[in-house]
Amino acid sequence: MRTTVHLLRHGEVFNPDGVLYGRLPGFHLSDDGKQMAVDASRALEGRDVTEVVASPLLRAQQTAEPIADVFGLGITTDERLIESENHFEGMTFGVGDGALKNPRNWPYLRNPFAPSWGEHYLAVARRMLHSVEDVRDRNLGHEVVCVSHQLPIWTVRRYVEGRRLWHRPDRRQCGLASLTSLVYEGERLLQVGYSEPAGEVSRRPGVGA
């Protein structure tokens, strides 16, 4: 019995000040971000999606809406899909003009392998995997869409693939409105797929996640 859990990163966020928005409330999709969500819904159209789950943050909920509409479903909110904690939330992040200029922030950079500036990678991976396994078990033999954020999606992918969790952020394969698809047979992970329904714009650099 095959079950697929699609981890969908939200679309582009309206963020004119270029801050790390993290878990801050009120950050909504840009016009392009809304189109990205529609593109993702079209890519999934005709699939056997039986549940749509999303992080509680506004940008994730907005990305989930067109997908839920396509399948005539409501949106289940799961706190475990939320963005990871980050000390630099609400700040701009740069060496010469942002948070890194302030020596008070330097201690938070002492251990990039944890990371010391926020939620531990292992904690992120475990809460994400618990969410994935719960929604998989509720929808055996079907497909599910879980809307989350770049770092949590990339971290749980590395975890299930047996790779080390620390990494270079600029090398994440998790574009805007991209789909990381975990295919299970029963409880056994068969494969991990990746696609970018929004095409080239998926790879725009993002400040938040």
Protein backbone atom coordinates (compact mmCIF):
# COMPACT_ATOMS: atom_id res chain seq x y z
CA MET A 1 0.00 0.00 0.00
CA ARG A 2 1.71 3.16 -1.20
CA THR A 3 1.21 6.51 0.49
CA THR A 4 2.80 9.77 -0.64
CA VAL A 5 3.37 12.74 1.64
CA HIS A 6 4.15 15.87 -0.36
CA LEU A 7 6.05 18.49 1.64
CA LEU A 8 5.28 21.80 -0.07
CA ARG A 9 7.30 24.89 0.74
CA HIS A 10 5.15 28.03 0.79
CA GLY A 11 5.29 30.58 -2.02
CA GLU A 12 7.18 33.86 -2.10
CA VAL A 13 6.49 36.22 0.81
CA PHE A 14 5.93 39.98 0.64
CA ASN A 15 8.99 41.19 2.56
CA PRO A 16 10.13 44.62 1.28
CA ASP A 17 12.44 45.22 4.26
CA GLY A 18 14.32 41.95 3.77
CA VAL A 19 14.06 40.77 7.37
CA LEU A 20 14.32 37.22 8.63
CA TYR A 21 10.63 36.82 9.39
CA GLY A 22 10.79 33.34 10.95
CA ARG A 23 7.72 32.80 13.11
CA LEU A 24 6.62 36.45 13.14
CA PRO A 25 2.90 36.83 12.41
CA GLY A 26 1.40 38.69 9.48
CA PHE A 27 3.88 37.89 6.71
CA HIS A 28 1.72 37.06 3.73
CA LEU A 29 2.36 35.86 0.19
CA SER A 30 3.36 38.32 -2.50
CA ASP A 31 1.35 38.39 -5.72
CA ASP A 32 3.94 36.08 -7.27
CA GLY A 33 3.73 33.87 -4.19
CA LYS A 34 -0.02 33.49 -4.67
CA GLN A 35 0.57 32.45 -8.28
CA MET A 36 3.17 29.93 -7.11
CA ALA A 37 0.55 28.37 -4.83
CA VAL A 38 -1.84 28.11 -7.78
CA ASP A 39 0.93 26.52 -9.87
CA ALA A 40 1.45 23.92 -7.15
CA SER A 41 -2.27 23.18 -7.00
CA ARG A 42 -2.34 22.64 -10.77
CA ALA A 43 0.62 20.28 -10.58
CA LEU A 44 -1.27 18.17 -8.04
CA GLU A 45 -4.62 18.27 -9.81
CA GLY A 46 -5.92 14.79 -10.57
CA ARG A 47 -3.85 13.16 -7.83
CA ASP A 48 -5.41 11.17 -5.00
CA VAL A 49 -4.97 13.86 -2.33
CA THR A 50 -7.15 13.17 0.71
CA GLU A 51 -5.81 15.69 3.23
CA VAL A 52 -4.15 19.12 3.16
CA VAL A 53 -2.14 20.08 6.24
CA ALA A 54 -0.32 23.35 6.90
CA SER A 55 1.89 25.18 9.34
CA PRO A 56 -0.09 27.75 11.35
CA LEU A 57 1.85 30.66 9.81
CA LEU A 58 -0.11 32.84 7.39
CA ARG A 59 2.12 32.23 4.35
CA ALA A 60 1.69 28.46 4.71
CA GLN A 61 -2.06 28.71 5.17
CA GLN A 62 -2.36 30.91 2.07
CA THR A 63 -0.29 28.45 0.03
CA ALA A 64 -2.53 25.60 1.16
CA GLU A 65 -5.78 27.35 0.15
CA PRO A 66 -5.77 26.74 -3.62
CA ILE A 67 -4.77 23.12 -3.10
CA ALA A 68 -7.55 22.55 -0.59
CA ASP A 69 -9.97 24.19 -3.04
CA VAL A 70 -8.93 21.89 -5.90
CA PHE A 71 -9.71 18.81 -3.84
CA GLY A 72 -12.70 20.19 -1.96
CA LEU A 73 -10.94 19.76 1.38
CA GLY A 74 -10.46 21.82 4.51
CA ILE A 75 -7.02 22.70 5.87
CA THR A 76 -5.70 20.84 8.90
CA THR A 77 -3.29 22.99 10.94
CA ASP A 78 -0.30 21.25 12.51
CA GLU A 79 2.06 23.20 14.79
CA ARG A 80 4.82 20.67 14.09
CA LEU A 81 5.15 21.98 10.53
CA ILE A 82 6.03 25.50 11.72
CA GLU A 83 9.22 27.36 10.84
CA SER A 84 12.20 26.69 13.12
CA GLU A 85 13.06 29.09 15.94
CA ASN A 86 15.75 31.66 15.15
CA HIS A 87 17.45 34.28 17.35
CA PHE A 88 17.76 36.62 14.35
CA GLU A 89 14.01 36.74 13.72
CA GLY A 90 12.88 40.24 12.75
CA MET A 91 16.42 41.40 11.90
CA THR A 92 18.21 41.92 8.63
CA PHE A 93 21.09 39.51 8.30
CA GLY A 94 24.36 40.78 6.87
CA VAL A 95 27.99 41.29 7.82
CA GLY A 96 28.18 45.01 7.15
CA ASP A 97 24.62 46.18 7.46
CA GLY A 98 22.65 43.71 9.53
CA ALA A 99 22.60 41.62 12.68
CA LEU A 100 26.15 40.33 12.20
CA LYS A 101 27.48 43.87 12.67
CA ASN A 102 26.44 43.80 16.34
CA PRO A 103 28.95 41.98 18.61
CA ARG A 104 26.08 41.03 20.95
CA ASN A 105 24.89 38.59 18.31
CA TRP A 106 28.23 36.89 17.73
CA PRO A 107 27.85 34.31 20.56
CA TYR A 108 24.81 32.94 18.75
CA LEU A 109 27.08 31.92 15.87
CA ARG A 110 29.43 29.84 17.98
CA ASN A 111 28.18 26.46 16.74
CA PRO A 112 26.77 26.22 13.20
CA PHE A 113 26.42 22.44 13.56
CA ALA A 114 23.62 22.67 16.17
CA PRO A 115 22.80 25.47 15.20
CA SER A 116 23.47 27.77 18.17
CA TRP A 117 21.23 30.55 16.79
CA GLY A 118 18.02 28.57 16.93
CA GLU A 119 16.16 25.29 17.19
CA HIS A 120 18.41 22.23 17.05
CA TYR A 121 18.38 20.47 13.69
CA LEU A 122 17.56 17.14 15.34
CA ALA A 123 14.54 18.64 17.12
CA VAL A 124 13.31 20.05 13.80
CA ALA A 125 13.76 16.71 12.04
CA ARG A 126 11.94 14.76 14.74
CA ARG A 127 8.90 17.02 14.99
CA MET A 128 8.58 17.11 11.21
CA LEU A 129 8.89 13.35 10.93
CA HIS A 130 6.27 12.81 13.63
CA SER A 131 3.90 15.02 11.65
CA VAL A 132 4.66 13.18 8.41
CA GLU A 133 4.15 9.77 9.98
CA ASP A 134 0.88 10.79 11.63
CA VAL A 135 -0.60 12.16 8.43
CA ARG A 136 0.69 9.16 6.46
CA ASP A 137 -1.01 6.76 8.85
CA ARG A 138 -4.29 8.70 8.60
CA ASN A 139 -4.25 8.47 4.80
CA LEU A 140 -2.81 5.05 3.95
CA GLY A 141 -2.92 4.32 0.25
CA HIS A 142 -3.52 7.97 -0.69
CA GLU A 143 -1.59 11.23 -1.04
CA VAL A 144 -1.29 14.13 1.38
CA VAL A 145 0.04 17.68 1.04
CA CYS A 146 1.82 19.27 4.02
CA VAL A 147 2.71 22.95 3.63
CA SER A 148 5.76 23.94 5.63
CA HIS A 149 8.99 25.96 5.36
CA GLN A 150 12.37 25.57 3.74
CA LEU A 151 14.59 24.63 6.67
CA PRO A 152 12.16 22.13 8.26
CA ILE A 153 11.51 20.43 4.91
CA TRP A 154 15.19 20.24 4.00
CA THR A 155 16.13 19.02 7.47
CA VAL A 156 13.61 16.17 7.57
CA ARG A 157 14.61 15.16 4.05
CA ARG A 158 18.25 14.89 5.09
CA TYR A 159 17.16 12.97 8.19
CA VAL A 160 15.16 10.31 6.31
CA GLU A 161 17.93 10.00 3.72
CA GLY A 162 20.46 9.31 6.49
CA ARG A 163 22.58 12.39 5.84
CA ARG A 164 24.15 14.69 8.42
CA LEU A 165 21.78 17.48 9.41
CA TRP A 166 24.11 20.48 9.39
CA HIS A 167 24.50 21.98 5.94
CA ARG A 168 25.08 25.10 3.90
CA PRO A 169 21.80 27.03 3.54
CA ASP A 170 22.71 28.10 -0.01
CA ARG A 171 22.79 24.46 -1.09
CA ARG A 172 19.29 23.47 0.00
CA GLN A 173 17.21 21.86 -2.72
CA CYS A 174 13.93 23.38 -1.60
CA GLY A 175 12.77 26.19 -3.84
CA LEU A 176 9.72 28.37 -3.34
CA ALA A 177 6.50 26.35 -3.75
CA SER A 178 8.57 23.22 -4.41
CA LEU A 179 7.37 19.70 -3.65
CA THR A 180 9.51 17.23 -1.72
CA SER A 181 7.58 13.97 -2.02
CA LEU A 182 8.09 11.08 0.41
CA VAL A 183 6.76 7.82 -1.01
CA TYR A 184 6.04 5.04 1.48
CA GLU A 185 5.05 1.42 1.17
CA GLY A 186 3.39 0.79 4.50
CA GLU A 187 5.81 2.40 6.94
CA ARG A 188 8.88 1.89 4.74
CA LEU A 189 10.22 4.86 2.82
CA LEU A 190 10.70 3.86 -0.81
CA GLN A 191 11.90 7.07 -2.40
CA VAL A 192 12.14 10.84 -2.17
CA GLY A 193 11.11 12.94 -5.15
CA TYR A 194 11.51 16.65 -5.82
CA SER A 195 9.82 19.02 -8.26
CA GLU A 196 9.33 22.77 -8.79
CA PRO A 197 5.82 23.44 -10.18
CA ALA A 198 6.49 27.19 -10.36
CA GLY A 199 9.54 26.65 -12.57
CA GLU A 200 12.47 29.05 -12.63
CA VAL A 201 10.93 31.51 -10.14
CA SER A 202 11.12 28.77 -7.49
CA ARG A 203 14.83 29.47 -7.21
CA ARG A 204 14.56 33.13 -6.31
CA PRO A 205 16.65 33.85 -3.21
CA GLY A 206 14.46 34.06 -0.14
CA VAL A 207 15.26 35.89 3.09
CA GLY A 208 12.80 34.26 5.45
CA ALA A 209 11.83 30.69 4.73
